[in-house]
Amino acid sequence: MVSSQSKASRWLILMVVSTALLLVAVDMTVLYTALPTLTLELDADASQKL
């Protein structure tokens, strides 16, 4: 049987990992949304977009 402290730590780990994944997803969404505008404003070519 799993102790209540062990269950709590598992939930905490799940919340931390889920939050980190959410932040990465939001960051990628912002990047892909802003990339065309940044490319136009900075006159970047294909190799500079990377």
C-alpha atoms as a PDB file:
ATOM      1  CA  MET A   1       0.000   0.000   0.000  1.00  0.00           C
ATOM      2  CA  VAL A   2       1.218   3.486  -0.867  1.00  0.00           C
ATOM      3  CA  SER A   3       1.492   6.028   1.932  1.00  0.00           C
ATOM      4  CA  SER A   4      -0.298   9.357   1.720  1.00  0.00           C
ATOM      5  CA  GLN A   5       3.027  11.218   1.678  1.00  0.00           C
ATOM      6  CA  SER A   6       4.150   9.163  -1.321  1.00  0.00           C
ATOM      7  CA  LYS A   7       0.874   9.915  -3.124  1.00  0.00           C
ATOM      8  CA  ALA A   8       1.277  13.618  -2.399  1.00  0.00           C
ATOM      9  CA  SER A   9       4.813  13.664  -3.763  1.00  0.00           C
ATOM     10  CA  ARG A  10       3.678  11.850  -6.910  1.00  0.00           C
ATOM     11  CA  TRP A  11       0.982  14.457  -7.475  1.00  0.00           C
ATOM     12  CA  LEU A  12       3.491  17.231  -6.899  1.00  0.00           C
ATOM     13  CA  ILE A  13       5.902  15.727  -9.431  1.00  0.00           C
ATOM     14  CA  LEU A  14       3.058  15.344 -11.930  1.00  0.00           C
ATOM     15  CA  MET A  15       2.048  18.983 -11.458  1.00  0.00           C
ATOM     16  CA  VAL A  16       5.623  20.233 -11.902  1.00  0.00           C
ATOM     17  CA  VAL A  17       6.197  18.192 -15.068  1.00  0.00           C
ATOM     18  CA  SER A  18       2.802  19.167 -16.486  1.00  0.00           C
ATOM     19  CA  THR A  19       3.461  22.855 -15.818  1.00  0.00           C
ATOM     20  CA  ALA A  20       6.846  22.646 -17.504  1.00  0.00           C
ATOM     21  CA  LEU A  21       5.291  20.981 -20.545  1.00  0.00           C
ATOM     22  CA  LEU A  22       2.580  23.639 -20.703  1.00  0.00           C
ATOM     23  CA  LEU A  23       5.178  26.424 -20.591  1.00  0.00           C
ATOM     24  CA  VAL A  24       7.151  24.819 -23.434  1.00  0.00           C
ATOM     25  CA  ALA A  25       3.987  24.495 -25.525  1.00  0.00           C
ATOM     26  CA  VAL A  26       3.030  28.143 -24.916  1.00  0.00           C
ATOM     27  CA  ASP A  27       6.572  29.255 -25.739  1.00  0.00           C
ATOM     28  CA  MET A  28       6.544  27.355 -29.031  1.00  0.00           C
ATOM     29  CA  THR A  29       3.137  28.797 -29.926  1.00  0.00           C
ATOM     30  CA  VAL A  30       4.375  32.342 -29.325  1.00  0.00           C
ATOM     31  CA  LEU A  31       7.527  31.665 -31.322  1.00  0.00           C
ATOM     32  CA  TYR A  32       5.683  30.273 -34.338  1.00  0.00           C
ATOM     33  CA  THR A  33       3.187  33.129 -34.193  1.00  0.00           C
ATOM     34  CA  ALA A  34       5.862  35.833 -33.996  1.00  0.00           C
ATOM     35  CA  LEU A  35       8.383  34.296 -36.417  1.00  0.00           C
ATOM     36  CA  PRO A  36       6.830  35.633 -39.664  1.00  0.00           C
ATOM     37  CA  THR A  37       6.685  39.170 -38.243  1.00  0.00           C
ATOM     38  CA  LEU A  38      10.234  38.977 -36.925  1.00  0.00           C
ATOM     39  CA  THR A  39      11.448  37.691 -40.288  1.00  0.00           C
ATOM     40  CA  LEU A  40       9.837  40.576 -42.151  1.00  0.00           C
ATOM     41  CA  GLU A  41      10.977  43.237 -39.682  1.00  0.00           C
ATOM     42  CA  LEU A  42      14.588  42.031 -39.629  1.00  0.00           C
ATOM     43  CA  ASP A  43      14.766  41.192 -43.361  1.00  0.00           C
ATOM     44  CA  ALA A  44      16.015  37.698 -42.531  1.00  0.00           C
ATOM     45  CA  ASP A  45      16.657  35.105 -45.224  1.00  0.00           C
ATOM     46  CA  ALA A  46      15.966  31.369 -44.946  1.00  0.00           C
ATOM     47  CA  SER A  47      19.237  30.485 -43.210  1.00  0.00           C
ATOM     48  CA  GLN A  48      18.821  33.254 -40.624  1.00  0.00           C
ATOM     49  CA  LYS A  49      15.373  32.005 -39.597  1.00  0.00           C
ATOM     50  CA  LEU A  50      16.944  28.941 -38.047  1.00  0.00           C
END
